[in-house]
Amino acid sequence: MVVLMKGLLKDFLSLFYPQLCLACKNEAVQSGQINCIACEYALQKMELASYTEQENLVTGKFWGRVPIKYGAALYPFTKEGRTQKLIHELKYKGQKEVGILLGKRLGRKLKEVTYFRNIDFIVPVPLHPKKLKIRGYNQAALIAEGLSESMEIPYLSNGLIRTIHSKSQTKKTREERFKNVSDVFQVSDNLLLEGKHILLVDDVLTTGATIESCALQLLQLPNTTVSVAVIGVVVDA
């Protein structure tokens, strides 16, 4: 009864204070949705098919540096594009449902691909406890939660821990990004992850510096394999 009343109240309030599309901020959306019909259609057209290929935009970021088994991204990430706006809402506006929803969407795609069916654990790129306290949540963990639900594979929210609080990567050069995250991650349970195929998850893949640093820690474990899944991939970085 309480849940029903809350739902009715939400629908009533939406008549006077409609929720706007998180991608365009112009059109109202239906209850339970985050995008208007136009933006949803545009996002569907943007979906990358490269996750069906073993060599693609994601794995290409790591060639010659770290052996990533498979890679997948849901959308291309461009400045001021719809993907960037959704990720901004997730990271900085407290719209946690965006992470779970996009994670589920990517997970449904990956479940159709044969070589993503042997994943043992899903592990998000971690935040340092200081940043986690400020933001209140880890956006990569929310994406991992959605992936876990769609793929029916367990996720470990603390499979990796961040031991050093480094500055934001946003305005750094490629070289500065790699230096900024060198040796800042640590595996929380070596025995649990040893010999497993790990799907490492983050929101956006730019140069690959952060994910590479995480992967290098995981790959120190005997017979461990790492694949990567992100919501957005920057094509020209």
C-alpha atoms as a PDB file:
ATOM      1  CA  MET A   1       0.000   0.000   0.000  1.00  0.00           C
ATOM      2  CA  VAL A   2       2.833   2.416   0.887  1.00  0.00           C
ATOM      3  CA  VAL A   3       4.607   1.707  -2.410  1.00  0.00           C
ATOM      4  CA  LEU A   4       1.360   2.229  -4.315  1.00  0.00           C
ATOM      5  CA  MET A   5       0.705   5.557  -2.601  1.00  0.00           C
ATOM      6  CA  LYS A   6       4.248   6.742  -3.352  1.00  0.00           C
ATOM      7  CA  GLY A   7       3.772   5.825  -7.000  1.00  0.00           C
ATOM      8  CA  LEU A   8       0.472   7.683  -7.217  1.00  0.00           C
ATOM      9  CA  LEU A   9       1.987  10.736  -5.538  1.00  0.00           C
ATOM     10  CA  LYS A  10       4.895  10.715  -7.979  1.00  0.00           C
ATOM     11  CA  ASP A  11       2.507  10.522 -10.944  1.00  0.00           C
ATOM     12  CA  PHE A  12       0.397  13.355  -9.502  1.00  0.00           C
ATOM     13  CA  LEU A  13       3.403  15.615  -8.971  1.00  0.00           C
ATOM     14  CA  SER A  14       4.657  14.898 -12.480  1.00  0.00           C
ATOM     15  CA  LEU A  15       1.547  16.624 -13.831  1.00  0.00           C
ATOM     16  CA  PHE A  16       2.777  19.898 -12.363  1.00  0.00           C
ATOM     17  CA  TYR A  17       6.540  19.257 -12.263  1.00  0.00           C
ATOM     18  CA  PRO A  18       7.315  16.972 -15.225  1.00  0.00           C
ATOM     19  CA  GLN A  19      10.712  15.265 -15.262  1.00  0.00           C
ATOM     20  CA  LEU A  20      12.787  16.455 -18.182  1.00  0.00           C
ATOM     21  CA  CYS A  21      14.884  14.218 -20.413  1.00  0.00           C
ATOM     22  CA  LEU A  22      18.357  13.843 -18.924  1.00  0.00           C
ATOM     23  CA  ALA A  23      19.975  13.876 -22.361  1.00  0.00           C
ATOM     24  CA  CYS A  24      18.405  17.020 -23.867  1.00  0.00           C
ATOM     25  CA  LYS A  25      16.771  18.766 -20.851  1.00  0.00           C
ATOM     26  CA  ASN A  26      13.962  19.920 -23.135  1.00  0.00           C
ATOM     27  CA  GLU A  27      11.298  17.253 -23.403  1.00  0.00           C
ATOM     28  CA  ALA A  28       9.291  15.624 -20.602  1.00  0.00           C
ATOM     29  CA  VAL A  29       9.679  11.875 -20.137  1.00  0.00           C
ATOM     30  CA  GLN A  30       7.247   9.163 -19.139  1.00  0.00           C
ATOM     31  CA  SER A  31       7.243   7.852 -15.584  1.00  0.00           C
ATOM     32  CA  GLY A  32      10.173   5.498 -14.961  1.00  0.00           C
ATOM     33  CA  GLN A  33      12.124   6.737 -18.002  1.00  0.00           C
ATOM     34  CA  ILE A  34      15.183   8.995 -18.169  1.00  0.00           C
ATOM     35  CA  ASN A  35      15.113   9.996 -21.851  1.00  0.00           C
ATOM     36  CA  CYS A  36      12.500  11.429 -24.177  1.00  0.00           C
ATOM     37  CA  ILE A  37      11.452   9.414 -27.217  1.00  0.00           C
ATOM     38  CA  ALA A  38      13.648  11.420 -29.593  1.00  0.00           C
ATOM     39  CA  CYS A  39      16.789  11.028 -27.481  1.00  0.00           C
ATOM     40  CA  GLU A  40      16.094   7.359 -26.846  1.00  0.00           C
ATOM     41  CA  TYR A  41      15.800   6.776 -30.587  1.00  0.00           C
ATOM     42  CA  ALA A  42      19.024   8.712 -31.193  1.00  0.00           C
ATOM     43  CA  LEU A  43      20.860   6.684 -28.537  1.00  0.00           C
ATOM     44  CA  GLN A  44      19.683   3.424 -30.072  1.00  0.00           C
ATOM     45  CA  LYS A  45      21.095   4.533 -33.431  1.00  0.00           C
ATOM     46  CA  MET A  46      24.396   5.399 -31.706  1.00  0.00           C
ATOM     47  CA  GLU A  47      24.848   1.949 -30.162  1.00  0.00           C
ATOM     48  CA  LEU A  48      28.177   0.434 -31.143  1.00  0.00           C
ATOM     49  CA  ALA A  49      28.233  -2.955 -32.809  1.00  0.00           C
ATOM     50  CA  SER A  50      31.972  -3.358 -32.177  1.00  0.00           C
ATOM     51  CA  TYR A  51      31.413  -5.345 -28.984  1.00  0.00           C
ATOM     52  CA  THR A  52      30.720  -8.298 -31.268  1.00  0.00           C
ATOM     53  CA  GLU A  53      34.322  -8.128 -32.509  1.00  0.00           C
ATOM     54  CA  GLN A  54      37.389  -9.193 -30.526  1.00  0.00           C
ATOM     55  CA  GLU A  55      39.414  -6.242 -31.851  1.00  0.00           C
ATOM     56  CA  ASN A  56      37.528  -2.969 -31.572  1.00  0.00           C
ATOM     57  CA  LEU A  57      37.617   0.631 -30.275  1.00  0.00           C
ATOM     58  CA  VAL A  58      37.989  -0.549 -26.682  1.00  0.00           C
ATOM     59  CA  THR A  59      40.669  -3.213 -27.022  1.00  0.00           C
ATOM     60  CA  GLY A  60      42.557  -0.923 -29.417  1.00  0.00           C
ATOM     61  CA  LYS A  61      43.191   1.537 -26.571  1.00  0.00           C
ATOM     62  CA  PHE A  62      45.414  -1.054 -24.875  1.00  0.00           C
ATOM     63  CA  TRP A  63      47.358  -2.541 -27.777  1.00  0.00           C
ATOM     64  CA  GLY A  64      51.016  -2.975 -26.926  1.00  0.00           C
ATOM     65  CA  ARG A  65      50.481  -1.962 -23.281  1.00  0.00           C
ATOM     66  CA  VAL A  66      48.319  -4.463 -21.435  1.00  0.00           C
ATOM     67  CA  PRO A  67      46.654  -7.694 -22.647  1.00  0.00           C
ATOM     68  CA  ILE A  68      42.918  -7.000 -22.493  1.00  0.00           C
ATOM     69  CA  LYS A  69      41.058 -10.116 -23.645  1.00  0.00           C
ATOM     70  CA  TYR A  70      37.784  -8.582 -24.864  1.00  0.00           C
ATOM     71  CA  GLY A  71      36.367  -5.073 -24.841  1.00  0.00           C
ATOM     72  CA  ALA A  72      32.954  -3.467 -25.168  1.00  0.00           C
ATOM     73  CA  ALA A  73      31.416   0.014 -25.157  1.00  0.00           C
ATOM     74  CA  LEU A  74      27.761   0.900 -25.502  1.00  0.00           C
ATOM     75  CA  TYR A  75      28.117   4.348 -27.108  1.00  0.00           C
ATOM     76  CA  PRO A  76      30.752   6.643 -28.634  1.00  0.00           C
ATOM     77  CA  PHE A  77      31.564   9.529 -26.279  1.00  0.00           C
ATOM     78  CA  THR A  78      31.781  12.995 -27.825  1.00  0.00           C
ATOM     79  CA  LYS A  79      31.972  16.477 -26.311  1.00  0.00           C
ATOM     80  CA  GLU A  80      28.478  17.863 -25.629  1.00  0.00           C
ATOM     81  CA  GLY A  81      26.946  14.678 -27.025  1.00  0.00           C
ATOM     82  CA  ARG A  82      24.088  12.712 -25.465  1.00  0.00           C
ATOM     83  CA  THR A  83      26.421  10.165 -23.892  1.00  0.00           C
ATOM     84  CA  GLN A  84      28.442  12.880 -22.152  1.00  0.00           C
ATOM     85  CA  LYS A  85      25.271  14.517 -20.837  1.00  0.00           C
ATOM     86  CA  LEU A  86      23.987  11.232 -19.386  1.00  0.00           C
ATOM     87  CA  ILE A  87      27.333  10.461 -17.749  1.00  0.00           C
ATOM     88  CA  HIS A  88      27.421  14.002 -16.321  1.00  0.00           C
ATOM     89  CA  GLU A  89      23.991  13.451 -14.754  1.00  0.00           C
ATOM     90  CA  LEU A  90      25.239  10.167 -13.292  1.00  0.00           C
ATOM     91  CA  LYS A  91      28.531  11.456 -11.879  1.00  0.00           C
ATOM     92  CA  TYR A  92      27.684  14.960 -10.749  1.00  0.00           C
ATOM     93  CA  LYS A  93      23.901  15.279 -10.430  1.00  0.00           C
ATOM     94  CA  GLY A  94      23.105  12.261  -8.274  1.00  0.00           C
ATOM     95  CA  GLN A  95      21.104  10.504 -11.010  1.00  0.00           C
ATOM     96  CA  LYS A  96      22.150   7.033  -9.905  1.00  0.00           C
ATOM     97  CA  GLU A  97      19.433   5.294 -11.907  1.00  0.00           C
ATOM     98  CA  VAL A  98      21.302   6.301 -15.094  1.00  0.00           C
ATOM     99  CA  GLY A  99      24.222   4.028 -14.171  1.00  0.00           C
ATOM    100  CA  ILE A 100      22.048   1.020 -13.392  1.00  0.00           C
ATOM    101  CA  LEU A 101      19.872   1.475 -16.481  1.00  0.00           C
ATOM    102  CA  LEU A 102      22.822   1.869 -18.868  1.00  0.00           C
ATOM    103  CA  GLY A 103      24.578  -1.064 -17.199  1.00  0.00           C
ATOM    104  CA  LYS A 104      21.519  -3.242 -17.789  1.00  0.00           C
ATOM    105  CA  ARG A 105      21.339  -2.100 -21.393  1.00  0.00           C
ATOM    106  CA  LEU A 106      24.988  -2.961 -22.059  1.00  0.00           C
ATOM    107  CA  GLY A 107      24.629  -6.223 -20.152  1.00  0.00           C
ATOM    108  CA  ARG A 108      21.775  -7.373 -22.387  1.00  0.00           C
ATOM    109  CA  LYS A 109      23.998  -6.773 -25.411  1.00  0.00           C
ATOM    110  CA  LEU A 110      26.978  -8.610 -23.952  1.00  0.00           C
ATOM    111  CA  LYS A 111      24.865 -11.583 -22.921  1.00  0.00           C
ATOM    112  CA  GLU A 112      24.265 -12.214 -26.629  1.00  0.00           C
ATOM    113  CA  VAL A 113      28.004 -12.428 -27.356  1.00  0.00           C
ATOM    114  CA  THR A 114      29.558 -15.870 -26.874  1.00  0.00           C
ATOM    115  CA  TYR A 115      32.930 -14.804 -25.475  1.00  0.00           C
ATOM    116  CA  PHE A 116      31.395 -12.653 -22.732  1.00  0.00           C
ATOM    117  CA  ARG A 117      29.583 -15.666 -21.295  1.00  0.00           C
ATOM    118  CA  ASN A 118      32.629 -17.018 -19.447  1.00  0.00           C
ATOM    119  CA  ILE A 119      33.071 -13.996 -17.160  1.00  0.00           C
ATOM    120  CA  ASP A 120      33.473 -15.014 -13.500  1.00  0.00           C
ATOM    121  CA  PHE A 121      33.202 -11.624 -11.772  1.00  0.00           C
ATOM    122  CA  ILE A 122      32.357  -8.045 -12.662  1.00  0.00           C
ATOM    123  CA  VAL A 123      34.637  -5.519 -10.924  1.00  0.00           C
ATOM    124  CA  PRO A 124      34.148  -1.721 -11.107  1.00  0.00           C
ATOM    125  CA  VAL A 125      36.995   0.789 -11.183  1.00  0.00           C
ATOM    126  CA  PRO A 126      37.030   2.040  -7.565  1.00  0.00           C
ATOM    127  CA  LEU A 127      36.945   5.536  -6.100  1.00  0.00           C
ATOM    128  CA  HIS A 128      39.203   6.576  -3.260  1.00  0.00           C
ATOM    129  CA  PRO A 129      37.260   6.602   0.065  1.00  0.00           C
ATOM    130  CA  LYS A 130      37.675  10.389   0.255  1.00  0.00           C
ATOM    131  CA  LYS A 131      36.019  10.937  -3.138  1.00  0.00           C
ATOM    132  CA  LEU A 132      33.419   8.245  -2.397  1.00  0.00           C
ATOM    133  CA  LYS A 133      32.437  10.102   0.766  1.00  0.00           C
ATOM    134  CA  ILE A 134      32.044  13.363  -1.155  1.00  0.00           C
ATOM    135  CA  ARG A 135      30.042  11.900  -4.062  1.00  0.00           C
ATOM    136  CA  GLY A 136      28.161   9.344  -1.977  1.00  0.00           C
ATOM    137  CA  TYR A 137      28.429   6.557  -4.553  1.00  0.00           C
ATOM    138  CA  ASN A 138      30.712   5.068  -7.182  1.00  0.00           C
ATOM    139  CA  GLN A 139      29.224   5.526 -10.655  1.00  0.00           C
ATOM    140  CA  ALA A 140      31.211   2.552 -12.012  1.00  0.00           C
ATOM    141  CA  ALA A 141      29.752   0.330  -9.287  1.00  0.00           C
ATOM    142  CA  LEU A 142      26.227   1.318 -10.340  1.00  0.00           C
ATOM    143  CA  ILE A 143      27.015   0.368 -13.932  1.00  0.00           C
ATOM    144  CA  ALA A 144      28.490  -2.918 -12.667  1.00  0.00           C
ATOM    145  CA  GLU A 145      25.292  -3.548 -10.694  1.00  0.00           C
ATOM    146  CA  GLY A 146      23.203  -3.132 -13.845  1.00  0.00           C
ATOM    147  CA  LEU A 147      25.557  -5.366 -15.830  1.00  0.00           C
ATOM    148  CA  SER A 148      25.404  -7.998 -13.111  1.00  0.00           C
ATOM    149  CA  GLU A 149      21.617  -8.063 -13.178  1.00  0.00           C
ATOM    150  CA  SER A 150      21.409  -8.381 -16.968  1.00  0.00           C
ATOM    151  CA  MET A 151      24.269 -10.844 -17.393  1.00  0.00           C
ATOM    152  CA  GLU A 152      23.469 -12.852 -14.236  1.00  0.00           C
ATOM    153  CA  ILE A 153      27.113 -12.673 -13.173  1.00  0.00           C
ATOM    154  CA  PRO A 154      28.177 -11.591  -9.652  1.00  0.00           C
ATOM    155  CA  TYR A 155      29.847  -8.214  -9.197  1.00  0.00           C
ATOM    156  CA  LEU A 156      32.333  -7.293  -6.504  1.00  0.00           C
ATOM    157  CA  SER A 157      31.906  -3.639  -5.536  1.00  0.00           C
ATOM    158  CA  ASN A 158      35.225  -3.761  -3.645  1.00  0.00           C
ATOM    159  CA  GLY A 159      37.152  -6.202  -5.814  1.00  0.00           C
ATOM    160  CA  LEU A 160      39.708  -3.439  -6.283  1.00  0.00           C
ATOM    161  CA  ILE A 161      40.490  -0.647  -3.843  1.00  0.00           C
ATOM    162  CA  ARG A 162      42.066   2.738  -4.520  1.00  0.00           C
ATOM    163  CA  THR A 163      44.865   3.375  -2.035  1.00  0.00           C
ATOM    164  CA  ILE A 164      45.979   6.840  -3.190  1.00  0.00           C
ATOM    165  CA  HIS A 165      43.753   9.866  -3.726  1.00  0.00           C
ATOM    166  CA  SER A 166      44.924  11.372  -7.021  1.00  0.00           C
ATOM    167  CA  LYS A 167      43.646  14.451  -8.808  1.00  0.00           C
ATOM    168  CA  SER A 168      40.920  14.382 -11.454  1.00  0.00           C
ATOM    169  CA  GLN A 169      41.940  13.120 -14.897  1.00  0.00           C
ATOM    170  CA  THR A 170      39.587  15.454 -16.776  1.00  0.00           C
ATOM    171  CA  LYS A 171      42.031  18.170 -17.909  1.00  0.00           C
ATOM    172  CA  LYS A 172      45.234  16.130 -17.990  1.00  0.00           C
ATOM    173  CA  THR A 173      47.269  15.204 -21.050  1.00  0.00           C
ATOM    174  CA  ARG A 174      47.687  11.571 -22.056  1.00  0.00           C
ATOM    175  CA  GLU A 175      51.079  11.321 -20.331  1.00  0.00           C
ATOM    176  CA  GLU A 176      49.785  13.040 -17.187  1.00  0.00           C
ATOM    177  CA  ARG A 177      46.832  10.642 -17.002  1.00  0.00           C
ATOM    178  CA  PHE A 178      49.109   7.597 -16.941  1.00  0.00           C
ATOM    179  CA  LYS A 179      51.412   9.116 -14.327  1.00  0.00           C
ATOM    180  CA  ASN A 180      48.445  10.226 -12.196  1.00  0.00           C
ATOM    181  CA  VAL A 181      47.089   6.693 -11.705  1.00  0.00           C
ATOM    182  CA  SER A 182      50.311   4.714 -11.592  1.00  0.00           C
ATOM    183  CA  ASP A 183      50.278   2.238  -8.678  1.00  0.00           C
ATOM    184  CA  VAL A 184      47.165   3.647  -6.987  1.00  0.00           C
ATOM    185  CA  PHE A 185      45.050   0.461  -7.066  1.00  0.00           C
ATOM    186  CA  GLN A 186      45.194  -2.782  -5.115  1.00  0.00           C
ATOM    187  CA  VAL A 187      43.381  -6.136  -5.355  1.00  0.00           C
ATOM    188  CA  SER A 188      41.291  -6.709  -2.215  1.00  0.00           C
ATOM    189  CA  ASP A 189      41.135 -10.540  -2.322  1.00  0.00           C
ATOM    190  CA  ASN A 190      43.854 -12.285  -4.329  1.00  0.00           C
ATOM    191  CA  LEU A 191      42.607 -15.810  -3.685  1.00  0.00           C
ATOM    192  CA  LEU A 192      39.055 -15.019  -4.804  1.00  0.00           C
ATOM    193  CA  LEU A 193      40.121 -13.489  -8.125  1.00  0.00           C
ATOM    194  CA  GLU A 194      43.093 -15.708  -8.914  1.00  0.00           C
ATOM    195  CA  GLY A 195      42.556 -17.697 -12.112  1.00  0.00           C
ATOM    196  CA  LYS A 196      39.301 -15.911 -12.923  1.00  0.00           C
ATOM    197  CA  HIS A 197      38.069 -13.985 -15.954  1.00  0.00           C
ATOM    198  CA  ILE A 198      37.320 -10.464 -14.680  1.00  0.00           C
ATOM    199  CA  LEU A 199      35.133  -7.917 -16.454  1.00  0.00           C
ATOM    200  CA  LEU A 200      36.554  -4.525 -15.448  1.00  0.00           C
ATOM    201  CA  VAL A 201      33.943  -1.755 -15.621  1.00  0.00           C
ATOM    202  CA  ASP A 202      34.056   2.053 -15.842  1.00  0.00           C
ATOM    203  CA  ASP A 203      31.841   4.830 -17.164  1.00  0.00           C
ATOM    204  CA  VAL A 204      34.043   6.329 -19.905  1.00  0.00           C
ATOM    205  CA  LEU A 205      37.209   5.116 -21.632  1.00  0.00           C
ATOM    206  CA  THR A 206      39.401   8.004 -22.773  1.00  0.00           C
ATOM    207  CA  THR A 207      43.111   7.125 -22.969  1.00  0.00           C
ATOM    208  CA  GLY A 208      42.734   3.922 -20.965  1.00  0.00           C
ATOM    209  CA  ALA A 209      45.154   5.026 -18.230  1.00  0.00           C
ATOM    210  CA  THR A 210      42.904   4.281 -15.260  1.00  0.00           C
ATOM    211  CA  ILE A 211      41.670   0.938 -16.544  1.00  0.00           C
ATOM    212  CA  GLU A 212      45.213  -0.067 -17.523  1.00  0.00           C
ATOM    213  CA  SER A 213      46.428   0.608 -13.988  1.00  0.00           C
ATOM    214  CA  CYS A 214      43.593  -1.526 -12.594  1.00  0.00           C
ATOM    215  CA  ALA A 215      44.165  -4.307 -15.109  1.00  0.00           C
ATOM    216  CA  LEU A 216      47.890  -4.502 -14.356  1.00  0.00           C
ATOM    217  CA  GLN A 217      47.108  -5.214 -10.710  1.00  0.00           C
ATOM    218  CA  LEU A 218      44.606  -7.945 -11.595  1.00  0.00           C
ATOM    219  CA  LEU A 219      46.944  -9.513 -14.160  1.00  0.00           C
ATOM    220  CA  GLN A 220      49.609 -10.031 -11.510  1.00  0.00           C
ATOM    221  CA  LEU A 221      47.379 -12.824 -10.184  1.00  0.00           C
ATOM    222  CA  PRO A 222      48.238 -16.234 -11.694  1.00  0.00           C
ATOM    223  CA  ASN A 223      46.084 -17.300 -14.667  1.00  0.00           C
ATOM    224  CA  THR A 224      43.796 -14.278 -14.381  1.00  0.00           C
ATOM    225  CA  THR A 225      42.211 -12.743 -17.485  1.00  0.00           C
ATOM    226  CA  VAL A 226      40.811  -9.224 -17.826  1.00  0.00           C
ATOM    227  CA  SER A 227      38.168  -7.886 -20.195  1.00  0.00           C
ATOM    228  CA  VAL A 228      36.734  -4.355 -20.221  1.00  0.00           C
ATOM    229  CA  ALA A 229      33.235  -2.878 -20.488  1.00  0.00           C
ATOM    230  CA  VAL A 230      32.366   0.835 -20.496  1.00  0.00           C
ATOM    231  CA  ILE A 231      29.333   2.935 -21.343  1.00  0.00           C
ATOM    232  CA  GLY A 232      31.182   5.462 -23.515  1.00  0.00           C
ATOM    233  CA  VAL A 233      34.431   5.313 -25.483  1.00  0.00           C
ATOM    234  CA  VAL A 234      36.226   8.422 -26.750  1.00  0.00           C
ATOM    235  CA  VAL A 235      37.066   7.655 -30.349  1.00  0.00           C
ATOM    236  CA  ASP A 236      39.897  10.133 -30.939  1.00  0.00           C
ATOM    237  CA  ALA A 237      41.849   9.967 -27.637  1.00  0.00           C
END
